[in-house]
Amino acid sequence: MITLYGIPNCDTVKKARTWLTDHGVDYAFHDFKKQGVPTALLPGWIDAVGLDTLINRRGPTWRKLDEATQARVVDTPSAMAVMQEHSSVIKRPVVVWADGQVTVGFAEAAFAARVA
């Protein structure tokens, strides 16, 4: 089963969900706002894609964080703490594919290749 993680009002998440639905791909949606950030999965996501990919340092949530909070994100434990407290700093969508692979973001060609 594919699980797509994100927030429902994110445009990129909307595009990914629409693409999956339009292509008849079954998936589960995990809403960070309602269901929280899956703490147990964060280390695996960080290992799979890296902190620089997983944390959206260009987004408005990151820019609104105070400098001290931003500066403390230096390793997996510190990044996890900030992601749990401010789920919107996580780049979206995070997709855990049926084979266990993790991707971040939406690109139609990449999704098409994954479900082919």
PDB file of N, CA and C in Angstrom:
ATOM      1  N   MET A   1       0.843  -1.185   0.000  1.00  0.00           N
ATOM      2  CA  MET A   1       0.000   0.000   0.000  1.00  0.00           C
ATOM      3  C   MET A   1       0.881   1.239   0.000  1.00  0.00           C
ATOM      4  N   ILE A   2       0.503   2.210  -0.786  1.00  0.00           N
ATOM      5  CA  ILE A   2       1.188   3.497  -0.858  1.00  0.00           C
ATOM      6  C   ILE A   2       0.577   4.399   0.204  1.00  0.00           C
ATOM      7  N   THR A   3       1.431   5.123   0.921  1.00  0.00           N
ATOM      8  CA  THR A   3       0.940   6.102   1.877  1.00  0.00           C
ATOM      9  C   THR A   3       1.520   7.458   1.509  1.00  0.00           C
ATOM     10  N   LEU A   4       0.642   8.430   1.365  1.00  0.00           N
ATOM     11  CA  LEU A   4       1.032   9.790   1.048  1.00  0.00           C
ATOM     12  C   LEU A   4       0.832  10.629   2.305  1.00  0.00           C
ATOM     13  N   TYR A   5       1.881  11.293   2.728  1.00  0.00           N
ATOM     14  CA  TYR A   5       1.856  12.098   3.947  1.00  0.00           C
ATOM     15  C   TYR A   5       1.897  13.576   3.573  1.00  0.00           C
ATOM     16  N   GLY A   6       1.108  14.376   4.253  1.00  0.00           N
ATOM     17  CA  GLY A   6       1.127  15.803   3.995  1.00  0.00           C
ATOM     18  C   GLY A   6      -0.027  16.499   4.672  1.00  0.00           C
ATOM     19  N   ILE A   7      -0.349  17.664   4.131  1.00  0.00           N
ATOM     20  CA  ILE A   7      -1.491  18.420   4.630  1.00  0.00           C
ATOM     21  C   ILE A   7      -2.423  18.673   3.445  1.00  0.00           C
ATOM     22  N   PRO A   8      -3.725  18.575   3.674  1.00  0.00           N
ATOM     23  CA  PRO A   8      -4.660  18.593   2.557  1.00  0.00           C
ATOM     24  C   PRO A   8      -4.717  19.896   1.768  1.00  0.00           C
ATOM     25  N   ASN A   9      -4.376  21.021   2.377  1.00  0.00           N
ATOM     26  CA  ASN A   9      -4.478  22.291   1.659  1.00  0.00           C
ATOM     27  C   ASN A   9      -3.202  22.668   0.906  1.00  0.00           C
ATOM     28  N   CYS A  10      -2.189  21.821   0.939  1.00  0.00           N
ATOM     29  CA  CYS A  10      -0.938  22.060   0.212  1.00  0.00           C
ATOM     30  C   CYS A  10      -1.173  21.783  -1.272  1.00  0.00           C
ATOM     31  N   ASP A  11      -0.825  22.732  -2.127  1.00  0.00           N
ATOM     32  CA  ASP A  11      -1.051  22.569  -3.562  1.00  0.00           C
ATOM     33  C   ASP A  11      -0.340  21.354  -4.141  1.00  0.00           C
ATOM     34  N   THR A  12       0.885  21.093  -3.691  1.00  0.00           N
ATOM     35  CA  THR A  12       1.636  19.958  -4.225  1.00  0.00           C
ATOM     36  C   THR A  12       1.012  18.646  -3.780  1.00  0.00           C
ATOM     37  N   VAL A  13       0.534  18.596  -2.561  1.00  0.00           N
ATOM     38  CA  VAL A  13      -0.167  17.400  -2.073  1.00  0.00           C
ATOM     39  C   VAL A  13      -1.446  17.194  -2.877  1.00  0.00           C
ATOM     40  N   LYS A  14      -2.165  18.273  -3.141  1.00  0.00           N
ATOM     41  CA  LYS A  14      -3.391  18.174  -3.942  1.00  0.00           C
ATOM     42  C   LYS A  14      -3.084  17.590  -5.321  1.00  0.00           C
ATOM     43  N   LYS A  15      -2.016  18.084  -5.956  1.00  0.00           N
ATOM     44  CA  LYS A  15      -1.639  17.587  -7.284  1.00  0.00           C
ATOM     45  C   LYS A  15      -1.306  16.098  -7.229  1.00  0.00           C
ATOM     46  N   ALA A  16      -0.549  15.692  -6.214  1.00  0.00           N
ATOM     47  CA  ALA A  16      -0.160  14.283  -6.087  1.00  0.00           C
ATOM     48  C   ALA A  16      -1.385  13.409  -5.858  1.00  0.00           C
ATOM     49  N   ARG A  17      -2.267  13.839  -4.981  1.00  0.00           N
ATOM     50  CA  ARG A  17      -3.475  13.056  -4.690  1.00  0.00           C
ATOM     51  C   ARG A  17      -4.364  12.950  -5.929  1.00  0.00           C
ATOM     52  N   THR A  18      -4.511  14.053  -6.638  1.00  0.00           N
ATOM     53  CA  THR A  18      -5.320  14.044  -7.856  1.00  0.00           C
ATOM     54  C   THR A  18      -4.717  13.103  -8.882  1.00  0.00           C
ATOM     55  N   TRP A  19      -3.396  13.166  -9.046  1.00  0.00           N
ATOM     56  CA  TRP A  19      -2.737  12.297 -10.024  1.00  0.00           C
ATOM     57  C   TRP A  19      -2.959  10.828  -9.668  1.00  0.00           C
ATOM     58  N   LEU A  20      -2.746  10.475  -8.417  1.00  0.00           N
ATOM     59  CA  LEU A  20      -2.936   9.084  -7.998  1.00  0.00           C
ATOM     60  C   LEU A  20      -4.382   8.632  -8.233  1.00  0.00           C
ATOM     61  N   THR A  21      -5.326   9.459  -7.856  1.00  0.00           N
ATOM     62  CA  THR A  21      -6.739   9.125  -8.035  1.00  0.00           C
ATOM     63  C   THR A  21      -7.083   8.988  -9.522  1.00  0.00           C
ATOM     64  N   ASP A  22      -6.642   9.954 -10.320  1.00  0.00           N
ATOM     65  CA  ASP A  22      -6.936   9.931 -11.754  1.00  0.00           C
ATOM     66  C   ASP A  22      -6.332   8.718 -12.458  1.00  0.00           C
ATOM     67  N   HIS A  23      -5.258   8.175 -11.918  1.00  0.00           N
ATOM     68  CA  HIS A  23      -4.600   7.018 -12.517  1.00  0.00           C
ATOM     69  C   HIS A  23      -4.996   5.704 -11.833  1.00  0.00           C
ATOM     70  N   GLY A  24      -6.014   5.761 -10.986  1.00  0.00           N
ATOM     71  CA  GLY A  24      -6.546   4.556 -10.362  1.00  0.00           C
ATOM     72  C   GLY A  24      -5.602   3.883  -9.391  1.00  0.00           C
ATOM     73  N   VAL A  25      -4.728   4.673  -8.770  1.00  0.00           N
ATOM     74  CA  VAL A  25      -3.749   4.118  -7.829  1.00  0.00           C
ATOM     75  C   VAL A  25      -4.318   4.216  -6.413  1.00  0.00           C
ATOM     76  N   ASP A  26      -4.428   3.076  -5.740  1.00  0.00           N
ATOM     77  CA  ASP A  26      -4.888   3.064  -4.359  1.00  0.00           C
ATOM     78  C   ASP A  26      -3.796   3.587  -3.441  1.00  0.00           C
ATOM     79  N   TYR A  27      -4.175   4.437  -2.509  1.00  0.00           N
ATOM     80  CA  TYR A  27      -3.218   4.968  -1.543  1.00  0.00           C
ATOM     81  C   TYR A  27      -3.960   5.377  -0.286  1.00  0.00           C
ATOM     82  N   ALA A  28      -3.209   5.482   0.785  1.00  0.00           N
ATOM     83  CA  ALA A  28      -3.748   6.009   2.033  1.00  0.00           C
ATOM     84  C   ALA A  28      -3.170   7.410   2.223  1.00  0.00           C
ATOM     85  N   PHE A  29      -3.970   8.314   2.752  1.00  0.00           N
ATOM     86  CA  PHE A  29      -3.503   9.670   3.023  1.00  0.00           C
ATOM     87  C   PHE A  29      -3.374   9.868   4.520  1.00  0.00           C
ATOM     88  N   HIS A  30      -2.211  10.355   4.939  1.00  0.00           N
ATOM     89  CA  HIS A  30      -1.949  10.648   6.353  1.00  0.00           C
ATOM     90  C   HIS A  30      -1.832  12.163   6.477  1.00  0.00           C
ATOM     91  N   ASP A  31      -2.773  12.759   7.165  1.00  0.00           N
ATOM     92  CA  ASP A  31      -2.838  14.207   7.349  1.00  0.00           C
ATOM     93  C   ASP A  31      -2.026  14.602   8.581  1.00  0.00           C
ATOM     94  N   PHE A  32      -0.932  15.326   8.343  1.00  0.00           N
ATOM     95  CA  PHE A  32      -0.081  15.762   9.456  1.00  0.00           C
ATOM     96  C   PHE A  32      -0.866  16.595  10.469  1.00  0.00           C
ATOM     97  N   LYS A  33      -1.795  17.401  10.007  1.00  0.00           N
ATOM     98  CA  LYS A  33      -2.529  18.295  10.906  1.00  0.00           C
ATOM     99  C   LYS A  33      -3.489  17.522  11.810  1.00  0.00           C
ATOM    100  N   LYS A  34      -4.130  16.496  11.266  1.00  0.00           N
ATOM    101  CA  LYS A  34      -5.100  15.738  12.059  1.00  0.00           C
ATOM    102  C   LYS A  34      -4.483  14.540  12.760  1.00  0.00           C
ATOM    103  N   GLN A  35      -3.540  13.863  12.088  1.00  0.00           N
ATOM    104  CA  GLN A  35      -2.981  12.623  12.625  1.00  0.00           C
ATOM    105  C   GLN A  35      -1.578  12.788  13.203  1.00  0.00           C
ATOM    106  N   GLY A  36      -1.004  13.951  13.027  1.00  0.00           N
ATOM    107  CA  GLY A  36       0.331  14.213  13.551  1.00  0.00           C
ATOM    108  C   GLY A  36       1.433  13.656  12.659  1.00  0.00           C
ATOM    109  N   VAL A  37       2.640  14.006  13.005  1.00  0.00           N
ATOM    110  CA  VAL A  37       3.814  13.522  12.284  1.00  0.00           C
ATOM    111  C   VAL A  37       4.157  12.144  12.843  1.00  0.00           C
ATOM    112  N   PRO A  38       4.315  11.148  11.990  1.00  0.00           N
ATOM    113  CA  PRO A  38       4.629   9.798  12.474  1.00  0.00           C
ATOM    114  C   PRO A  38       6.092   9.717  12.940  1.00  0.00           C
ATOM    115  N   THR A  39       6.287  10.005  14.205  1.00  0.00           N
ATOM    116  CA  THR A  39       7.620  10.105  14.796  1.00  0.00           C
ATOM    117  C   THR A  39       8.498   8.892  14.503  1.00  0.00           C
ATOM    118  N   ALA A  40       7.939   7.723  14.572  1.00  0.00           N
ATOM    119  CA  ALA A  40       8.728   6.503  14.367  1.00  0.00           C
ATOM    120  C   ALA A  40       9.269   6.399  12.944  1.00  0.00           C
ATOM    121  N   LEU A  41       8.627   7.073  11.988  1.00  0.00           N
ATOM    122  CA  LEU A  41       9.062   6.992  10.593  1.00  0.00           C
ATOM    123  C   LEU A  41      10.101   8.049  10.214  1.00  0.00           C
ATOM    124  N   LEU A  42      10.198   9.123  10.989  1.00  0.00           N
ATOM    125  CA  LEU A  42      11.095  10.223  10.633  1.00  0.00           C
ATOM    126  C   LEU A  42      12.550   9.792  10.418  1.00  0.00           C
ATOM    127  N   PRO A  43      13.144   8.983  11.295  1.00  0.00           N
ATOM    128  CA  PRO A  43      14.542   8.601  11.053  1.00  0.00           C
ATOM    129  C   PRO A  43      14.732   7.884   9.709  1.00  0.00           C
ATOM    130  N   GLY A  44      13.795   7.041   9.341  1.00  0.00           N
ATOM    131  CA  GLY A  44      13.874   6.349   8.065  1.00  0.00           C
ATOM    132  C   GLY A  44      13.750   7.300   6.893  1.00  0.00           C
ATOM    133  N   TRP A  45      12.856   8.278   7.021  1.00  0.00           N
ATOM    134  CA  TRP A  45      12.710   9.276   5.967  1.00  0.00           C
ATOM    135  C   TRP A  45      13.996  10.084   5.815  1.00  0.00           C
ATOM    136  N   ILE A  46      14.576  10.469   6.934  1.00  0.00           N
ATOM    137  CA  ILE A  46      15.814  11.255   6.897  1.00  0.00           C
ATOM    138  C   ILE A  46      16.926  10.429   6.267  1.00  0.00           C
ATOM    139  N   ASP A  47      17.032   9.160   6.646  1.00  0.00           N
ATOM    140  CA  ASP A  47      18.046   8.279   6.046  1.00  0.00           C
ATOM    141  C   ASP A  47      17.829   8.135   4.543  1.00  0.00           C
ATOM    142  N   ALA A  48      16.555   8.038   4.127  1.00  0.00           N
ATOM    143  CA  ALA A  48      16.234   7.793   2.720  1.00  0.00           C
ATOM    144  C   ALA A  48      16.471   9.010   1.832  1.00  0.00           C
ATOM    145  N   VAL A  49      16.107  10.194   2.310  1.00  0.00           N
ATOM    146  CA  VAL A  49      16.159  11.368   1.427  1.00  0.00           C
ATOM    147  C   VAL A  49      17.079  12.479   1.928  1.00  0.00           C
ATOM    148  N   GLY A  50      17.476  12.429   3.195  1.00  0.00           N
ATOM    149  CA  GLY A  50      18.350  13.463   3.757  1.00  0.00           C
ATOM    150  C   GLY A  50      17.571  14.636   4.328  1.00  0.00           C
ATOM    151  N   LEU A  51      18.196  15.303   5.281  1.00  0.00           N
ATOM    152  CA  LEU A  51      17.554  16.451   5.941  1.00  0.00           C
ATOM    153  C   LEU A  51      17.309  17.591   4.957  1.00  0.00           C
ATOM    154  N   ASP A  52      18.260  17.838   4.062  1.00  0.00           N
ATOM    155  CA  ASP A  52      18.116  18.961   3.136  1.00  0.00           C
ATOM    156  C   ASP A  52      16.923  18.792   2.211  1.00  0.00           C
ATOM    157  N   THR A  53      16.560  17.564   1.912  1.00  0.00           N
ATOM    158  CA  THR A  53      15.383  17.318   1.076  1.00  0.00           C
ATOM    159  C   THR A  53      14.115  17.345   1.911  1.00  0.00           C
ATOM    160  N   LEU A  54      14.164  16.788   3.102  1.00  0.00           N
ATOM    161  CA  LEU A  54      12.957  16.645   3.913  1.00  0.00           C
ATOM    162  C   LEU A  54      12.496  17.951   4.549  1.00  0.00           C
ATOM    163  N   ILE A  55      13.429  18.813   4.902  1.00  0.00           N
ATOM    164  CA  ILE A  55      13.048  20.082   5.538  1.00  0.00           C
ATOM    165  C   ILE A  55      12.989  21.167   4.468  1.00  0.00           C
ATOM    166  N   ASN A  56      11.852  21.824   4.396  1.00  0.00           N
ATOM    167  CA  ASN A  56      11.638  22.885   3.421  1.00  0.00           C
ATOM    168  C   ASN A  56      12.111  24.204   4.021  1.00  0.00           C
ATOM    169  N   ARG A  57      13.381  24.507   3.773  1.00  0.00           N
ATOM    170  CA  ARG A  57      13.963  25.734   4.327  1.00  0.00           C
ATOM    171  C   ARG A  57      13.590  26.980   3.528  1.00  0.00           C
ATOM    172  N   ARG A  58      12.845  26.823   2.443  1.00  0.00           N
ATOM    173  CA  ARG A  58      12.414  27.970   1.647  1.00  0.00           C
ATOM    174  C   ARG A  58      10.952  28.322   1.889  1.00  0.00           C
ATOM    175  N   GLY A  59      10.251  27.482   2.622  1.00  0.00           N
ATOM    176  CA  GLY A  59       8.822  27.702   2.834  1.00  0.00           C
ATOM    177  C   GLY A  59       8.534  28.739   3.900  1.00  0.00           C
ATOM    178  N   PRO A  60       7.294  29.212   3.934  1.00  0.00           N
ATOM    179  CA  PRO A  60       6.920  30.249   4.897  1.00  0.00           C
ATOM    180  C   PRO A  60       7.016  29.795   6.354  1.00  0.00           C
ATOM    181  N   THR A  61       6.740  28.537   6.629  1.00  0.00           N
ATOM    182  CA  THR A  61       6.809  28.072   8.022  1.00  0.00           C
ATOM    183  C   THR A  61       8.242  28.177   8.534  1.00  0.00           C
ATOM    184  N   TRP A  62       9.203  27.734   7.721  1.00  0.00           N
ATOM    185  CA  TRP A  62      10.612  27.820   8.125  1.00  0.00           C
ATOM    186  C   TRP A  62      11.024  29.277   8.318  1.00  0.00           C
ATOM    187  N   ARG A  63      10.633  30.141   7.398  1.00  0.00           N
ATOM    188  CA  ARG A  63      11.026  31.553   7.479  1.00  0.00           C
ATOM    189  C   ARG A  63      10.435  32.234   8.704  1.00  0.00           C
ATOM    190  N   LYS A  64       9.278  31.747   9.169  1.00  0.00           N
ATOM    191  CA  LYS A  64       8.651  32.344  10.351  1.00  0.00           C
ATOM    192  C   LYS A  64       9.267  31.863  11.665  1.00  0.00           C
ATOM    193  N   LEU A  65      10.037  30.771  11.608  1.00  0.00           N
ATOM    194  CA  LEU A  65      10.692  30.289  12.832  1.00  0.00           C
ATOM    195  C   LEU A  65      11.761  31.273  13.257  1.00  0.00           C
ATOM    196  N   ASP A  66      11.934  31.412  14.565  1.00  0.00           N
ATOM    197  CA  ASP A  66      12.989  32.307  15.033  1.00  0.00           C
ATOM    198  C   ASP A  66      14.359  31.714  14.695  1.00  0.00           C
ATOM    199  N   GLU A  67      15.357  32.566  14.653  1.00  0.00           N
ATOM    200  CA  GLU A  67      16.703  32.142  14.258  1.00  0.00           C
ATOM    201  C   GLU A  67      17.260  31.057  15.173  1.00  0.00           C
ATOM    202  N   ALA A  68      16.943  31.116  16.446  1.00  0.00           N
ATOM    203  CA  ALA A  68      17.451  30.113  17.392  1.00  0.00           C
ATOM    204  C   ALA A  68      16.887  28.726  17.054  1.00  0.00           C
ATOM    205  N   THR A  69      15.617  28.661  16.694  1.00  0.00           N
ATOM    206  CA  THR A  69      15.007  27.380  16.323  1.00  0.00           C
ATOM    207  C   THR A  69      15.627  26.860  15.036  1.00  0.00           C
ATOM    208  N   GLN A  70      15.781  27.727  14.057  1.00  0.00           N
ATOM    209  CA  GLN A  70      16.408  27.325  12.796  1.00  0.00           C
ATOM    210  C   GLN A  70      17.835  26.822  13.035  1.00  0.00           C
ATOM    211  N   ALA A  71      18.571  27.516  13.856  1.00  0.00           N
ATOM    212  CA  ALA A  71      19.979  27.180  14.088  1.00  0.00           C
ATOM    213  C   ALA A  71      20.146  25.851  14.813  1.00  0.00           C
ATOM    214  N   ARG A  72      19.144  25.440  15.575  1.00  0.00           N
ATOM    215  CA  ARG A  72      19.299  24.188  16.321  1.00  0.00           C
ATOM    216  C   ARG A  72      19.055  22.943  15.466  1.00  0.00           C
ATOM    217  N   VAL A  73      18.627  23.110  14.227  1.00  0.00           N
ATOM    218  CA  VAL A  73      18.418  21.970  13.330  1.00  0.00           C
ATOM    219  C   VAL A  73      19.756  21.617  12.690  1.00  0.00           C
ATOM    220  N   VAL A  74      20.484  20.721  13.363  1.00  0.00           N
ATOM    221  CA  VAL A  74      21.834  20.368  12.897  1.00  0.00           C
ATOM    222  C   VAL A  74      22.028  18.869  12.699  1.00  0.00           C
ATOM    223  N   ASP A  75      21.095  18.059  13.215  1.00  0.00           N
ATOM    224  CA  ASP A  75      21.226  16.612  13.102  1.00  0.00           C
ATOM    225  C   ASP A  75      19.836  15.989  13.177  1.00  0.00           C
ATOM    226  N   THR A  76      19.792  14.678  13.082  1.00  0.00           N
ATOM    227  CA  THR A  76      18.503  13.987  13.055  1.00  0.00           C
ATOM    228  C   THR A  76      17.644  14.277  14.293  1.00  0.00           C
ATOM    229  N   PRO A  77      18.162  14.138  15.514  1.00  0.00           N
ATOM    230  CA  PRO A  77      17.294  14.402  16.677  1.00  0.00           C
ATOM    231  C   PRO A  77      16.764  15.842  16.729  1.00  0.00           C
ATOM    232  N   SER A  78      17.612  16.814  16.425  1.00  0.00           N
ATOM    233  CA  SER A  78      17.152  18.205  16.481  1.00  0.00           C
ATOM    234  C   SER A  78      16.158  18.498  15.362  1.00  0.00           C
ATOM    235  N   ALA A  79      16.380  17.924  14.194  1.00  0.00           N
ATOM    236  CA  ALA A  79      15.444  18.110  13.080  1.00  0.00           C
ATOM    237  C   ALA A  79      14.099  17.471  13.405  1.00  0.00           C
ATOM    238  N   MET A  80      14.138  16.282  13.985  1.00  0.00           N
ATOM    239  CA  MET A  80      12.900  15.592  14.347  1.00  0.00           C
ATOM    240  C   MET A  80      12.080  16.421  15.326  1.00  0.00           C
ATOM    241  N   ALA A  81      12.735  17.043  16.277  1.00  0.00           N
ATOM    242  CA  ALA A  81      12.023  17.849  17.267  1.00  0.00           C
ATOM    243  C   ALA A  81      11.299  19.018  16.592  1.00  0.00           C
ATOM    244  N   VAL A  82      11.974  19.676  15.669  1.00  0.00           N
ATOM    245  CA  VAL A  82      11.350  20.805  14.976  1.00  0.00           C
ATOM    246  C   VAL A  82      10.226  20.318  14.062  1.00  0.00           C
ATOM    247  N   MET A  83      10.428  19.200  13.373  1.00  0.00           N
ATOM    248  CA  MET A  83       9.381  18.667  12.484  1.00  0.00           C
ATOM    249  C   MET A  83       8.136  18.245  13.264  1.00  0.00           C
ATOM    250  N   GLN A  84       8.334  17.726  14.464  1.00  0.00           N
ATOM    251  CA  GLN A  84       7.190  17.322  15.282  1.00  0.00           C
ATOM    252  C   GLN A  84       6.421  18.544  15.783  1.00  0.00           C
ATOM    253  N   GLU A  85       7.157  19.585  16.088  1.00  0.00           N
ATOM    254  CA  GLU A  85       6.529  20.799  16.611  1.00  0.00           C
ATOM    255  C   GLU A  85       5.907  21.648  15.497  1.00  0.00           C
ATOM    256  N   HIS A  86       6.536  21.634  14.325  1.00  0.00           N
ATOM    257  CA  HIS A  86       6.099  22.461  13.192  1.00  0.00           C
ATOM    258  C   HIS A  86       6.031  21.582  11.946  1.00  0.00           C
ATOM    259  N   SER A  87       4.970  20.797  11.824  1.00  0.00           N
ATOM    260  CA  SER A  87       4.877  19.814  10.738  1.00  0.00           C
ATOM    261  C   SER A  87       4.950  20.441   9.350  1.00  0.00           C
ATOM    262  N   SER A  88       4.614  21.705   9.240  1.00  0.00           N
ATOM    263  CA  SER A  88       4.625  22.342   7.929  1.00  0.00           C
ATOM    264  C   SER A  88       6.033  22.628   7.401  1.00  0.00           C
ATOM    265  N   VAL A  89       7.064  22.381   8.210  1.00  0.00           N
ATOM    266  CA  VAL A  89       8.426  22.531   7.675  1.00  0.00           C
ATOM    267  C   VAL A  89       8.839  21.297   6.867  1.00  0.00           C
ATOM    268  N   ILE A  90       8.042  20.248   6.937  1.00  0.00           N
ATOM    269  CA  ILE A  90       8.342  19.042   6.168  1.00  0.00           C
ATOM    270  C   ILE A  90       7.909  19.277   4.724  1.00  0.00           C
ATOM    271  N   LYS A  91       8.844  19.081   3.797  1.00  0.00           N
ATOM    272  CA  LYS A  91       8.532  19.215   2.384  1.00  0.00           C
ATOM    273  C   LYS A  91       7.522  18.140   2.009  1.00  0.00           C
ATOM    274  N   ARG A  92       6.553  18.513   1.186  1.00  0.00           N
ATOM    275  CA  ARG A  92       5.439  17.618   0.902  1.00  0.00           C
ATOM    276  C   ARG A  92       5.266  17.409  -0.589  1.00  0.00           C
ATOM    277  N   PRO A  93       4.582  16.316  -0.910  1.00  0.00           N
ATOM    278  CA  PRO A  93       4.220  15.203  -0.047  1.00  0.00           C
ATOM    279  C   PRO A  93       5.401  14.270   0.187  1.00  0.00           C
ATOM    280  N   VAL A  94       5.366  13.594   1.321  1.00  0.00           N
ATOM    281  CA  VAL A  94       6.270  12.467   1.552  1.00  0.00           C
ATOM    282  C   VAL A  94       5.467  11.235   1.152  1.00  0.00           C
ATOM    283  N   VAL A  95       6.046  10.426   0.277  1.00  0.00           N
ATOM    284  CA  VAL A  95       5.342   9.229  -0.182  1.00  0.00           C
ATOM    285  C   VAL A  95       6.172   8.012   0.184  1.00  0.00           C
ATOM    286  N   VAL A  96       5.533   7.075   0.874  1.00  0.00           N
ATOM    287  CA  VAL A  96       6.148   5.780   1.134  1.00  0.00           C
ATOM    288  C   VAL A  96       5.458   4.808   0.188  1.00  0.00           C
ATOM    289  N   TRP A  97       6.231   4.349  -0.784  1.00  0.00           N
ATOM    290  CA  TRP A  97       5.698   3.484  -1.829  1.00  0.00           C
ATOM    291  C   TRP A  97       5.548   2.060  -1.317  1.00  0.00           C
ATOM    292  N   ALA A  98       4.841   1.250  -2.060  1.00  0.00           N
ATOM    293  CA  ALA A  98       4.557  -0.130  -1.654  1.00  0.00           C
ATOM    294  C   ALA A  98       5.824  -0.931  -1.394  1.00  0.00           C
ATOM    295  N   ASP A  99       6.913  -0.586  -2.091  1.00  0.00           N
ATOM    296  CA  ASP A  99       8.174  -1.307  -1.896  1.00  0.00           C
ATOM    297  C   ASP A  99       9.006  -0.741  -0.751  1.00  0.00           C
ATOM    298  N   GLY A 100       8.470   0.262  -0.037  1.00  0.00           N
ATOM    299  CA  GLY A 100       9.167   0.848   1.092  1.00  0.00           C
ATOM    300  C   GLY A 100      10.031   2.047   0.752  1.00  0.00           C
ATOM    301  N   GLN A 101      10.201   2.328  -0.529  1.00  0.00           N
ATOM    302  CA  GLN A 101      10.996   3.488  -0.928  1.00  0.00           C
ATOM    303  C   GLN A 101      10.267   4.770  -0.530  1.00  0.00           C
ATOM    304  N   VAL A 102      11.054   5.804  -0.226  1.00  0.00           N
ATOM    305  CA  VAL A 102      10.506   7.081   0.209  1.00  0.00           C
ATOM    306  C   VAL A 102      10.891   8.152  -0.807  1.00  0.00           C
ATOM    307  N   THR A 103       9.906   8.950  -1.219  1.00  0.00           N
ATOM    308  CA  THR A 103      10.180  10.098  -2.076  1.00  0.00           C
ATOM    309  C   THR A 103       9.527  11.326  -1.472  1.00  0.00           C
ATOM    310  N   VAL A 104      10.008  12.483  -1.881  1.00  0.00           N
ATOM    311  CA  VAL A 104       9.461  13.747  -1.397  1.00  0.00           C
ATOM    312  C   VAL A 104       9.156  14.624  -2.607  1.00  0.00           C
ATOM    313  N   GLY A 105       7.988  15.238  -2.584  1.00  0.00           N
ATOM    314  CA  GLY A 105       7.585  16.109  -3.672  1.00  0.00           C
ATOM    315  C   GLY A 105       6.761  15.366  -4.703  1.00  0.00           C
ATOM    316  N   PHE A 106       6.327  16.114  -5.719  1.00  0.00           N
ATOM    317  CA  PHE A 106       5.527  15.520  -6.782  1.00  0.00           C
ATOM    318  C   PHE A 106       6.092  15.910  -8.132  1.00  0.00           C
ATOM    319  N   ALA A 107       6.376  14.912  -8.923  1.00  0.00           N
ATOM    320  CA  ALA A 107       6.727  15.090 -10.331  1.00  0.00           C
ATOM    321  C   ALA A 107       5.969  14.006 -11.079  1.00  0.00           C
ATOM    322  N   GLU A 108       5.165  14.423 -12.029  1.00  0.00           N
ATOM    323  CA  GLU A 108       4.298  13.477 -12.730  1.00  0.00           C
ATOM    324  C   GLU A 108       5.086  12.310 -13.323  1.00  0.00           C
ATOM    325  N   ALA A 109       6.207  12.602 -13.961  1.00  0.00           N
ATOM    326  CA  ALA A 109       7.002  11.541 -14.589  1.00  0.00           C
ATOM    327  C   ALA A 109       7.521  10.551 -13.556  1.00  0.00           C
ATOM    328  N   ALA A 110       7.940  11.066 -12.411  1.00  0.00           N
ATOM    329  CA  ALA A 110       8.468  10.176 -11.357  1.00  0.00           C
ATOM    330  C   ALA A 110       7.349   9.297 -10.791  1.00  0.00           C
ATOM    331  N   PHE A 111       6.179   9.860 -10.597  1.00  0.00           N
ATOM    332  CA  PHE A 111       5.047   9.067 -10.118  1.00  0.00           C
ATOM    333  C   PHE A 111       4.676   8.011 -11.146  1.00  0.00           C
ATOM    334  N   ALA A 112       4.637   8.393 -12.421  1.00  0.00           N
ATOM    335  CA  ALA A 112       4.288   7.461 -13.481  1.00  0.00           C
ATOM    336  C   ALA A 112       5.280   6.293 -13.509  1.00  0.00           C
ATOM    337  N   ALA A 113       6.557   6.594 -13.337  1.00  0.00           N
ATOM    338  CA  ALA A 113       7.582   5.550 -13.341  1.00  0.00           C
ATOM    339  C   ALA A 113       7.416   4.623 -12.137  1.00  0.00           C
ATOM    340  N   ARG A 114       6.999   5.172 -11.010  1.00  0.00           N
ATOM    341  CA  ARG A 114       6.846   4.381  -9.792  1.00  0.00           C
ATOM    342  C   ARG A 114       5.686   3.398  -9.875  1.00  0.00           C
ATOM    343  N   VAL A 115       4.609   3.786 -10.563  1.00  0.00           N
ATOM    344  CA  VAL A 115       3.427   2.928 -10.588  1.00  0.00           C
ATOM    345  C   VAL A 115       3.295   2.115 -11.877  1.00  0.00           C
ATOM    346  N   ALA A 116       4.264   2.262 -12.763  1.00  0.00           N
ATOM    347  CA  ALA A 116       4.203   1.531 -14.050  1.00  0.00           C
ATOM    348  C   ALA A 116       4.350   0.037 -13.844  1.00  0.00           C
TER     349      ALA A 116
END
